C-alpha atoms as a PDB file:
ATOM      1  CA  LYS A   1      -9.781 -23.279  -6.657  1.00  0.00           C
ATOM      2  CA  ILE A   2      -9.353 -20.011  -8.218  1.00  0.00           C
ATOM      3  CA  GLY A   3     -11.844 -16.956  -7.540  1.00  0.00           C
ATOM      4  CA  ALA A   4     -12.613 -14.157 -10.256  1.00  0.00           C
ATOM      5  CA  VAL A   5     -15.517 -11.124 -10.802  1.00  0.00           C
ATOM      6  CA  GLY A   6     -17.451 -12.055 -13.558  1.00  0.00           C
ATOM      7  CA  TYR A   7     -17.773  -9.144 -15.095  1.00  0.00           C
ATOM      8  CA  ALA A   8     -17.999 -10.041 -19.061  1.00  0.00           C
ATOM      9  CA  PRO A   9     -19.296 -13.590 -20.501  1.00  0.00           C
ATOM     10  CA  TYR A  10     -15.655 -14.006 -21.864  1.00  0.00           C
ATOM     11  CA  VAL A  11     -14.532 -14.726 -18.136  1.00  0.00           C
ATOM     12  CA  VAL A  12     -15.595 -17.930 -18.703  1.00  0.00           C
ATOM     13  CA  THR A  13     -13.215 -18.620 -21.901  1.00  0.00           C
ATOM     14  CA  VAL A  14     -10.395 -17.258 -19.931  1.00  0.00           C
ATOM     15  CA  PHE A  15     -10.753 -19.404 -17.020  1.00  0.00           C
ATOM     16  CA  GLU A  16     -11.566 -22.800 -18.553  1.00  0.00           C
ATOM     17  CA  GLY A  17      -8.463 -22.010 -20.345  1.00  0.00           C
ATOM     18  CA  ILE A  18      -6.337 -21.599 -17.666  1.00  0.00           C
ATOM     19  CA  LYS A  19      -7.595 -24.988 -15.743  1.00  0.00           C
ATOM     20  CA  LYS A  20      -7.643 -26.808 -18.804  1.00  0.00           C
ATOM     21  CA  HIS A  21      -3.839 -25.563 -18.763  1.00  0.00           C
ATOM     22  CA  PHE A  22      -2.905 -25.588 -15.031  1.00  0.00           C
ATOM     23  CA  ASN A  23      -4.228 -29.482 -15.259  1.00  0.00           C
ATOM     24  CA  ARG A  24      -1.801 -30.149 -17.959  1.00  0.00           C
ATOM     25  CA  MET A  25       0.584 -29.105 -15.681  1.00  0.00           C
ATOM     26  CA  ASP A  26      -0.273 -31.031 -12.484  1.00  0.00           C
ATOM     27  CA  VAL A  27      -1.586 -28.106 -10.602  1.00  0.00           C
ATOM     28  CA  PRO A  28      -5.513 -29.423 -10.264  1.00  0.00           C
ATOM     29  CA  LEU A  29      -7.433 -26.119 -10.420  1.00  0.00           C
ATOM     30  CA  ASP A  30     -10.891 -25.357 -10.401  1.00  0.00           C
ATOM     31  CA  TRP A  31     -12.862 -21.740 -10.322  1.00  0.00           C
ATOM     32  CA  VAL A  32     -16.084 -19.618  -8.935  1.00  0.00           C
ATOM     33  CA  LEU A  33     -17.216 -16.515 -10.057  1.00  0.00           C
ATOM     34  CA  TYR A  34     -18.305 -13.706  -8.058  1.00  0.00           C
ATOM     35  CA  SER A  35     -20.521 -10.773  -8.576  1.00  0.00           C
ATOM     36  CA  ASN A  36     -18.010  -8.125  -7.895  1.00  0.00           C
ATOM     37  CA  TYR A  37     -14.676  -7.371  -6.490  1.00  0.00           C
ATOM     38  CA  ASP A  38     -15.699  -7.071  -2.712  1.00  0.00           C
ATOM     39  CA  ALA A  39     -17.790 -10.091  -2.821  1.00  0.00           C
ATOM     40  CA  LEU A  40     -14.111 -11.678  -4.482  1.00  0.00           C
ATOM     41  CA  VAL A  41     -12.189 -10.081  -1.441  1.00  0.00           C
ATOM     42  CA  GLU A  42     -14.660 -11.423   1.334  1.00  0.00           C
ATOM     43  CA  ALA A  43     -14.062 -14.791   0.147  1.00  0.00           C
ATOM     44  CA  PHE A  44     -10.618 -14.520  -0.265  1.00  0.00           C
ATOM     45  CA  VAL A  45     -10.577 -13.555   3.750  1.00  0.00           C
ATOM     46  CA  ARG A  46     -12.466 -15.931   4.686  1.00  0.00           C
ATOM     47  CA  GLY A  47     -10.739 -18.478   3.124  1.00  0.00           C
ATOM     48  CA  GLU A  48     -13.083 -19.721   0.288  1.00  0.00           C
ATOM     49  CA  VAL A  49     -10.815 -19.477  -2.825  1.00  0.00           C
ATOM     50  CA  ASP A  50      -7.061 -20.143  -2.558  1.00  0.00           C
ATOM     51  CA  LEU A  51      -6.171 -17.799  -5.425  1.00  0.00           C
ATOM     52  CA  ALA A  52      -8.023 -14.419  -6.663  1.00  0.00           C
ATOM     53  CA  TRP A  53      -7.861 -12.678  -9.740  1.00  0.00           C
ATOM     54  CA  ASN A  54      -7.867  -8.977  -8.320  1.00  0.00           C
ATOM     55  CA  GLY A  55      -8.805  -6.074  -9.644  1.00  0.00           C
ATOM     56  CA  PRO A  56      -5.781  -3.326  -8.342  1.00  0.00           C
ATOM     57  CA  LEU A  57      -8.009  -1.863  -5.615  1.00  0.00           C
ATOM     58  CA  ALA A  58      -9.198  -5.696  -4.816  1.00  0.00           C
ATOM     59  CA  TYR A  59      -5.502  -6.312  -4.042  1.00  0.00           C
ATOM     60  CA  VAL A  60      -5.086  -3.147  -1.851  1.00  0.00           C
ATOM     61  CA  LYS A  61      -8.258  -4.274   0.102  1.00  0.00           C
ATOM     62  CA  ILE A  62      -6.830  -7.767   0.710  1.00  0.00           C
ATOM     63  CA  ARG A  63      -3.456  -6.508   1.908  1.00  0.00           C
ATOM     64  CA  ARG A  64      -4.766  -4.241   4.315  1.00  0.00           C
ATOM     65  CA  ARG A  65      -7.156  -6.919   5.690  1.00  0.00           C
ATOM     66  CA  LEU A  66      -4.452  -9.497   5.526  1.00  0.00           C
ATOM     67  CA  PRO A  67      -0.915  -7.882   5.919  1.00  0.00           C
ATOM     68  CA  ASP A  68       1.359 -10.953   5.609  1.00  0.00           C
ATOM     69  CA  GLY A  69      -1.193 -13.476   4.406  1.00  0.00           C
ATOM     70  CA  SER A  70      -1.666 -12.789   0.990  1.00  0.00           C
ATOM     71  CA  ARG A  71       1.354 -13.112  -2.140  1.00  0.00           C
ATOM     72  CA  VAL A  72       1.298 -12.262  -5.510  1.00  0.00           C
ATOM     73  CA  VAL A  73       2.080 -14.941  -7.402  1.00  0.00           C
ATOM     74  CA  ALA A  74       1.372 -13.940 -11.397  1.00  0.00           C
ATOM     75  CA  MET A  75       0.466 -10.602 -13.313  1.00  0.00           C
ATOM     76  CA  ARG A  76      -0.032  -9.934 -16.722  1.00  0.00           C
ATOM     77  CA  ASP A  77       2.890  -8.780 -18.749  1.00  0.00           C
ATOM     78  CA  MET A  78       0.948  -5.250 -18.921  1.00  0.00           C
ATOM     79  CA  ASP A  79       0.513  -4.935 -15.275  1.00  0.00           C
ATOM     80  CA  MET A  80       3.792  -3.827 -13.644  1.00  0.00           C
ATOM     81  CA  ASN A  81       4.770  -0.222 -14.061  1.00  0.00           C
ATOM     82  CA  PHE A  82       1.393   0.875 -15.411  1.00  0.00           C
ATOM     83  CA  THR A  83       1.100   4.365 -16.100  1.00  0.00           C
ATOM     84  CA  THR A  84      -1.569   7.291 -16.102  1.00  0.00           C
ATOM     85  CA  GLN A  85      -1.530   9.666 -18.902  1.00  0.00           C
ATOM     86  CA  PHE A  86      -2.493  13.176 -19.415  1.00  0.00           C
ATOM     87  CA  ILE A  87      -2.927  13.998 -23.736  1.00  0.00           C
ATOM     88  CA  THR A  88      -4.299  16.812 -25.564  1.00  0.00           C
ATOM     89  CA  HIS A  89      -4.692  17.146 -29.197  1.00  0.00           C
ATOM     90  CA  PRO A  90      -1.150  18.062 -31.193  1.00  0.00           C
ATOM     91  CA  ASP A  91      -1.208  22.051 -31.421  1.00  0.00           C
ATOM     92  CA  SER A  92      -2.618  22.003 -27.850  1.00  0.00           C
ATOM     93  CA  ALA A  93      -0.878  25.282 -25.375  1.00  0.00           C
ATOM     94  CA  LEU A  94      -0.827  21.966 -22.918  1.00  0.00           C
ATOM     95  CA  GLN A  95       2.220  21.343 -21.365  1.00  0.00           C
ATOM     96  CA  THR A  96       2.127  21.121 -17.850  1.00  0.00           C
ATOM     97  CA  VAL A  97      -0.599  19.691 -15.348  1.00  0.00           C
ATOM     98  CA  GLN A  98      -0.619  23.477 -14.195  1.00  0.00           C
ATOM     99  CA  ASP A  99      -1.657  24.431 -17.387  1.00  0.00           C
ATOM    100  CA  VAL A 100      -5.052  22.148 -17.232  1.00  0.00           C
ATOM    101  CA  LYS A 101      -6.396  24.659 -15.005  1.00  0.00           C
ATOM    102  CA  GLY A 102      -9.529  26.809 -16.742  1.00  0.00           C
ATOM    103  CA  LYS A 103      -9.464  23.751 -19.414  1.00  0.00           C
ATOM    104  CA  ARG A 104     -12.118  20.981 -19.914  1.00  0.00           C
ATOM    105  CA  LEU A 105     -10.624  17.475 -18.718  1.00  0.00           C
ATOM    106  CA  ALA A 106     -12.343  13.824 -19.576  1.00  0.00           C
ATOM    107  CA  PHE A 107     -11.995  11.146 -16.740  1.00  0.00           C
ATOM    108  CA  ALA A 108     -12.676   7.301 -17.905  1.00  0.00           C
ATOM    109  CA  SER A 109     -15.325   6.164 -15.434  1.00  0.00           C
ATOM    110  CA  ARG A 110     -15.125   6.310 -11.860  1.00  0.00           C
ATOM    111  CA  GLY A 111     -14.365   2.788 -11.235  1.00  0.00           C
ATOM    112  CA  SER A 112     -11.334   2.740 -13.766  1.00  0.00           C
ATOM    113  CA  VAL A 113      -8.359   2.809 -11.270  1.00  0.00           C
ATOM    114  CA  GLN A 114      -5.735   4.014 -14.047  1.00  0.00           C
ATOM    115  CA  ALA A 115      -8.236   6.763 -15.662  1.00  0.00           C
ATOM    116  CA  GLY A 116     -10.386   8.132 -13.171  1.00  0.00           C
ATOM    117  CA  LEU A 117      -9.326   7.362  -9.727  1.00  0.00           C
ATOM    118  CA  LEU A 118      -5.570   7.742  -9.736  1.00  0.00           C
ATOM    119  CA  ALA A 119      -6.000  10.462 -12.155  1.00  0.00           C
ATOM    120  CA  TYR A 120      -7.792  12.449 -10.008  1.00  0.00           C
ATOM    121  CA  TYR A 121      -5.440  11.622  -7.239  1.00  0.00           C
ATOM    122  CA  PHE A 122      -2.453  12.781  -9.210  1.00  0.00           C
ATOM    123  CA  LEU A 123      -4.099  16.047  -9.930  1.00  0.00           C
ATOM    124  CA  LYS A 124      -4.573  17.012  -6.639  1.00  0.00           C
ATOM    125  CA  GLN A 125      -1.468  15.864  -5.535  1.00  0.00           C
ATOM    126  CA  ALA A 126      -0.118  18.534  -7.957  1.00  0.00           C
ATOM    127  CA  GLY A 127      -1.997  21.217  -6.530  1.00  0.00           C
ATOM    128  CA  ILE A 128      -5.305  21.282  -8.843  1.00  0.00           C
ATOM    129  CA  ASP A 129      -8.646  20.724  -7.467  1.00  0.00           C
ATOM    130  CA  PRO A 130     -10.669  19.070 -10.474  1.00  0.00           C
ATOM    131  CA  GLU A 131     -14.226  20.531  -9.129  1.00  0.00           C
ATOM    132  CA  LYS A 132     -12.911  23.911  -8.888  1.00  0.00           C
ATOM    133  CA  ASP A 133      -9.747  24.837 -10.931  1.00  0.00           C
ATOM    134  CA  LEU A 134     -11.020  23.139 -14.234  1.00  0.00           C
ATOM    135  CA  ALA A 135     -13.356  24.410 -16.736  1.00  0.00           C
ATOM    136  CA  LEU A 136     -14.935  21.006 -16.825  1.00  0.00           C
ATOM    137  CA  ALA A 137     -14.332  18.249 -15.248  1.00  0.00           C
ATOM    138  CA  THR A 138     -16.350  15.248 -15.725  1.00  0.00           C
ATOM    139  CA  PHE A 139     -16.699  11.087 -15.456  1.00  0.00           C
ATOM    140  CA  ALA A 140     -18.009   8.554 -17.955  1.00  0.00           C
ATOM    141  CA  GLU A 141     -20.954   8.553 -16.123  1.00  0.00           C
ATOM    142  CA  ASP A 142     -21.444  12.490 -16.194  1.00  0.00           C
ATOM    143  CA  ARG A 143     -21.833  12.309 -20.270  1.00  0.00           C
ATOM    144  CA  PRO A 144     -24.276  11.080 -22.418  1.00  0.00           C
ATOM    145  CA  ALA A 145     -24.972   7.247 -22.448  1.00  0.00           C
ATOM    146  CA  ASP A 146     -25.194   7.029 -26.091  1.00  0.00           C
ATOM    147  CA  GLY A 147     -21.596   8.714 -26.319  1.00  0.00           C
ATOM    148  CA  PRO A 148     -18.300   6.936 -26.675  1.00  0.00           C
ATOM    149  CA  ALA A 149     -16.916   4.365 -23.574  1.00  0.00           C
ATOM    150  CA  GLY A 150     -14.137   3.733 -21.520  1.00  0.00           C
ATOM    151  CA  GLU A 151     -10.711   5.177 -22.161  1.00  0.00           C
ATOM    152  CA  ALA A 152     -11.334   4.746 -26.320  1.00  0.00           C
ATOM    153  CA  GLY A 153     -14.100   7.462 -25.117  1.00  0.00           C
ATOM    154  CA  VAL A 154     -11.759  10.121 -23.797  1.00  0.00           C
ATOM    155  CA  VAL A 155      -9.549   9.598 -26.488  1.00  0.00           C
ATOM    156  CA  ALA A 156     -12.254  10.502 -29.019  1.00  0.00           C
ATOM    157  CA  LEU A 157     -13.197  13.480 -26.809  1.00  0.00           C
ATOM    158  CA  VAL A 158      -9.797  15.118 -27.147  1.00  0.00           C
ATOM    159  CA  ARG A 159      -9.523  14.365 -30.616  1.00  0.00           C
ATOM    160  CA  SER A 160     -13.135  15.981 -31.495  1.00  0.00           C
ATOM    161  CA  ARG A 161     -11.532  18.764 -29.119  1.00  0.00           C
ATOM    162  CA  GLU A 162     -14.910  18.638 -26.896  1.00  0.00           C
ATOM    163  CA  TYR A 163     -12.363  18.427 -24.419  1.00  0.00           C
ATOM    164  CA  ASP A 164      -8.827  20.058 -23.991  1.00  0.00           C
ATOM    165  CA  ALA A 165      -7.532  17.327 -22.125  1.00  0.00           C
ATOM    166  CA  GLY A 166      -8.126  13.779 -21.003  1.00  0.00           C
ATOM    167  CA  ALA A 167      -6.956  10.712 -18.797  1.00  0.00           C
ATOM    168  CA  VAL A 168      -5.919   7.640 -20.081  1.00  0.00           C
ATOM    169  CA  SER A 169      -3.557   4.653 -19.578  1.00  0.00           C
ATOM    170  CA  ARG A 170      -0.281   4.163 -21.716  1.00  0.00           C
ATOM    171  CA  HIS A 171      -1.278   0.901 -21.883  1.00  0.00           C
ATOM    172  CA  ALA A 172      -4.975   2.286 -23.744  1.00  0.00           C
ATOM    173  CA  LEU A 173      -2.927   4.330 -26.007  1.00  0.00           C
ATOM    174  CA  ALA A 174      -1.171   1.285 -26.855  1.00  0.00           C
ATOM    175  CA  THR A 175      -4.070  -0.883 -27.212  1.00  0.00           C
ATOM    176  CA  LEU A 176      -5.770   1.832 -29.752  1.00  0.00           C
ATOM    177  CA  ARG A 177      -3.039   1.850 -32.033  1.00  0.00           C
ATOM    178  CA  GLU A 178      -2.414  -1.696 -32.263  1.00  0.00           C
ATOM    179  CA  LYS A 179      -5.739  -1.795 -33.657  1.00  0.00           C
ATOM    180  CA  GLY A 180      -5.306   1.090 -36.173  1.00  0.00           C
ATOM    181  CA  GLN A 181      -7.925   2.883 -33.978  1.00  0.00           C
ATOM    182  CA  LEU A 182      -5.364   6.045 -33.177  1.00  0.00           C
ATOM    183  CA  GLN A 183      -2.526   7.074 -35.560  1.00  0.00           C
ATOM    184  CA  GLU A 184       0.698   8.888 -34.091  1.00  0.00           C
ATOM    185  CA  GLY A 185       0.052  12.167 -33.648  1.00  0.00           C
ATOM    186  CA  GLU A 186      -3.381  12.376 -33.171  1.00  0.00           C
ATOM    187  CA  VAL A 187      -3.244  13.088 -29.487  1.00  0.00           C
ATOM    188  CA  ARG A 188      -0.015  14.327 -27.332  1.00  0.00           C
ATOM    189  CA  VAL A 189       0.713  12.817 -24.106  1.00  0.00           C
ATOM    190  CA  PHE A 190       1.869  16.159 -21.856  1.00  0.00           C
ATOM    191  CA  TRP A 191       2.363  14.266 -18.465  1.00  0.00           C
ATOM    192  CA  SER A 192       2.743  10.644 -17.422  1.00  0.00           C
ATOM    193  CA  SER A 193       2.654   9.219 -13.887  1.00  0.00           C
ATOM    194  CA  PRO A 194       5.578   7.347 -12.463  1.00  0.00           C
ATOM    195  CA  GLY A 195       4.719   3.621 -12.571  1.00  0.00           C
ATOM    196  CA  TYR A 196       2.359   1.655 -10.461  1.00  0.00           C
ATOM    197  CA  SER A 197       1.091  -2.119 -10.219  1.00  0.00           C
ATOM    198  CA  HIS A 198      -2.178  -3.048 -11.806  1.00  0.00           C
ATOM    199  CA  CYS A 199      -4.075  -6.304 -11.881  1.00  0.00           C
ATOM    200  CA  CYS A 200      -2.629  -9.146 -10.293  1.00  0.00           C
ATOM    201  CA  PHE A 201      -3.091 -12.672  -9.354  1.00  0.00           C
ATOM    202  CA  THR A 202      -3.218 -13.543  -5.431  1.00  0.00           C
ATOM    203  CA  ALA A 203      -2.577 -16.363  -3.341  1.00  0.00           C
ATOM    204  CA  GLN A 204      -3.411 -17.341   0.068  1.00  0.00           C
ATOM    205  CA  ARG A 205      -0.005 -17.424   2.417  1.00  0.00           C
ATOM    206  CA  THR A 206      -0.637 -20.757   3.745  1.00  0.00           C
ATOM    207  CA  ILE A 207      -0.143 -22.343   0.213  1.00  0.00           C
ATOM    208  CA  ASP A 208       3.858 -23.658   1.064  1.00  0.00           C
ATOM    209  CA  ASP A 209       6.374 -21.832  -1.112  1.00  0.00           C
ATOM    210  CA  ALA A 210       7.165 -24.752  -3.642  1.00  0.00           C
ATOM    211  CA  LEU A 211       3.000 -25.046  -4.755  1.00  0.00           C
ATOM    212  CA  ALA A 212       3.396 -21.242  -5.008  1.00  0.00           C
ATOM    213  CA  GLN A 213       6.578 -21.373  -7.203  1.00  0.00           C
ATOM    214  CA  ARG A 214       4.395 -24.447  -9.308  1.00  0.00           C
ATOM    215  CA  ILE A 215       1.688 -21.743  -9.808  1.00  0.00           C
ATOM    216  CA  THR A 216       3.651 -18.985 -10.740  1.00  0.00           C
ATOM    217  CA  THR A 217       5.349 -21.652 -13.304  1.00  0.00           C
ATOM    218  CA  ALA A 218       2.317 -22.665 -14.692  1.00  0.00           C
ATOM    219  CA  PHE A 219       1.036 -18.934 -15.747  1.00  0.00           C
ATOM    220  CA  THR A 220       4.448 -17.704 -16.916  1.00  0.00           C
ATOM    221  CA  THR A 221       4.189 -21.075 -19.019  1.00  0.00           C
ATOM    222  CA  MET A 222       1.629 -19.968 -21.177  1.00  0.00           C
ATOM    223  CA  ARG A 223       2.556 -18.484 -24.486  1.00  0.00           C
ATOM    224  CA  PHE A 224       0.890 -16.214 -26.934  1.00  0.00           C
ATOM    225  CA  ASP A 225       2.435 -18.074 -29.735  1.00  0.00           C
ATOM    226  CA  ASP A 226       0.323 -21.667 -28.392  1.00  0.00           C
ATOM    227  CA  PRO A 227      -3.140 -21.883 -30.068  1.00  0.00           C
ATOM    228  CA  GLU A 228      -4.050 -23.734 -26.681  1.00  0.00           C
ATOM    229  CA  HIS A 229      -3.342 -20.537 -24.931  1.00  0.00           C
ATOM    230  CA  HIS A 230      -3.671 -17.803 -27.250  1.00  0.00           C
ATOM    231  CA  GLN A 231      -7.351 -17.125 -26.765  1.00  0.00           C
ATOM    232  CA  VAL A 232      -6.595 -16.294 -23.211  1.00  0.00           C
ATOM    233  CA  LEU A 233      -4.095 -13.984 -23.061  1.00  0.00           C
ATOM    234  CA  GLU A 234      -5.715 -12.447 -26.133  1.00  0.00           C
ATOM    235  CA  LEU A 235      -9.147 -11.778 -24.205  1.00  0.00           C
ATOM    236  CA  GLU A 236      -6.531 -10.535 -21.084  1.00  0.00           C
ATOM    237  CA  GLY A 237      -5.228  -7.823 -23.613  1.00  0.00           C
ATOM    238  CA  CYS A 238      -1.365  -9.287 -22.421  1.00  0.00           C
ATOM    239  CA  LYS A 239       1.473 -11.404 -24.271  1.00  0.00           C
ATOM    240  CA  GLY A 240       1.631 -13.691 -21.462  1.00  0.00           C
ATOM    241  CA  PHE A 241       1.764 -13.775 -17.752  1.00  0.00           C
ATOM    242  CA  ILE A 242       4.727 -12.681 -15.988  1.00  0.00           C
ATOM    243  CA  PRO A 243       5.897 -13.293 -11.740  1.00  0.00           C
ATOM    244  CA  GLY A 244       4.434 -11.197  -9.685  1.00  0.00           C
ATOM    245  CA  THR A 245       5.438  -8.349  -7.572  1.00  0.00           C
ATOM    246  CA  SER A 246       3.714  -7.027  -4.462  1.00  0.00           C
ATOM    247  CA  GLU A 247       5.789  -3.485  -4.856  1.00  0.00           C
ATOM    248  CA  GLY A 248       4.014  -0.657  -6.495  1.00  0.00           C
ATOM    249  CA  TYR A 249       0.699  -0.541  -4.872  1.00  0.00           C
ATOM    250  CA  ASP A 250       1.411   2.243  -2.515  1.00  0.00           C
ATOM    251  CA  VAL A 251      -0.013   4.695  -4.866  1.00  0.00           C
ATOM    252  CA  LEU A 252      -2.872   3.179  -5.071  1.00  0.00           C
ATOM    253  CA  GLU A 253      -3.448   2.610  -1.253  1.00  0.00           C
ATOM    254  CA  ALA A 254      -2.615   6.615  -0.826  1.00  0.00           C
ATOM    255  CA  ALA A 255      -5.198   7.393  -3.606  1.00  0.00           C
ATOM    256  CA  ALA A 256      -7.651   5.121  -2.014  1.00  0.00           C
ATOM    257  CA  GLU A 257      -7.497   6.366   1.002  1.00  0.00           C
ATOM    258  CA  ALA A 258      -7.861   9.753   0.269  1.00  0.00           C
ATOM    259  CA  GLU A 259     -11.164   9.177  -1.577  1.00  0.00           C
ATOM    260  CA  GLY A 260     -12.590   7.196   1.232  1.00  0.00           C
ATOM    261  CA  LEU A 261     -12.248   3.822  -0.746  1.00  0.00           C
ATOM    262  CA  VAL A 262     -10.277   1.550   1.661  1.00  0.00           C
END
C-alpha cells in the first residue's frame, strides 16, 4: 500500500495509473490518500502504509523519526540536484546575493520548500536578514489573493518590476520556458543554490531488498513516450522516474531546524 497526499484532483489519476502499471509488473499495489503531509508521516511511522510519496520536508520528518527505518526507492527525474535561484530583470544592477540589501524580493508561498523555506534560509546563510535588510520581502500569502500565484507569480512580479528580485526553482523557470510562458532574456538568474533533493518515494526498511528493487524497477520502467504512462508522468511534471537517493536532504533539514519546522 502506498500513501500520498490528496492535494489536487489529479492525484487520483496519478495513483490509479501507477497502480495499473505496478499490477502489470506483478507488484500488487493499492493506494490511500491523506489530507496533509503530517498525517502521511504519522501513517508511515505507524506502519499503516508500505510506501509514501513524500514531499521533501515530509521525508526529512520521516528520517528523523526513523533514522534506520526507511529507504528511498524512487524519485522523479527532476527531484535530484534541485536548485533554488534568485532572479531579477535583465538590466538590473543585482549581481550577487549581497546586492539584494535594500531591495524588494518576492518569495513564493511559505509552504514552498524551494522558493519559500530554502530561499529564506539561503539569504540568512549569506548574512542577510530578510525582515531587516530588504526594503520589502513578501511571501505569496502576504500579497493580494487576486495576484499571480506560485513561482510563476514570482516571475511575473519580477518581470513587471514590482519587485527587484524573486526566489524560484530552476525547474520552474525551465517549465515556464517549455510552455512558452517565459522567453529567454526576460529574467536573469544572479544566484543559484547548491543542489539538493526534493520529493521521493519512501519505503519501509522492513521491505526486503529484492522487493525494494522490484519496486524501483517498476517505477523506472514507466516511459514518457508510452501512452499508458504518459499522463501519470506529465501530471507529475517529469519525463520519468529514477532510482532514489537519500543524499541531498541535509540542507533542507538544517533549514527546517532553523525555522522550527522539525
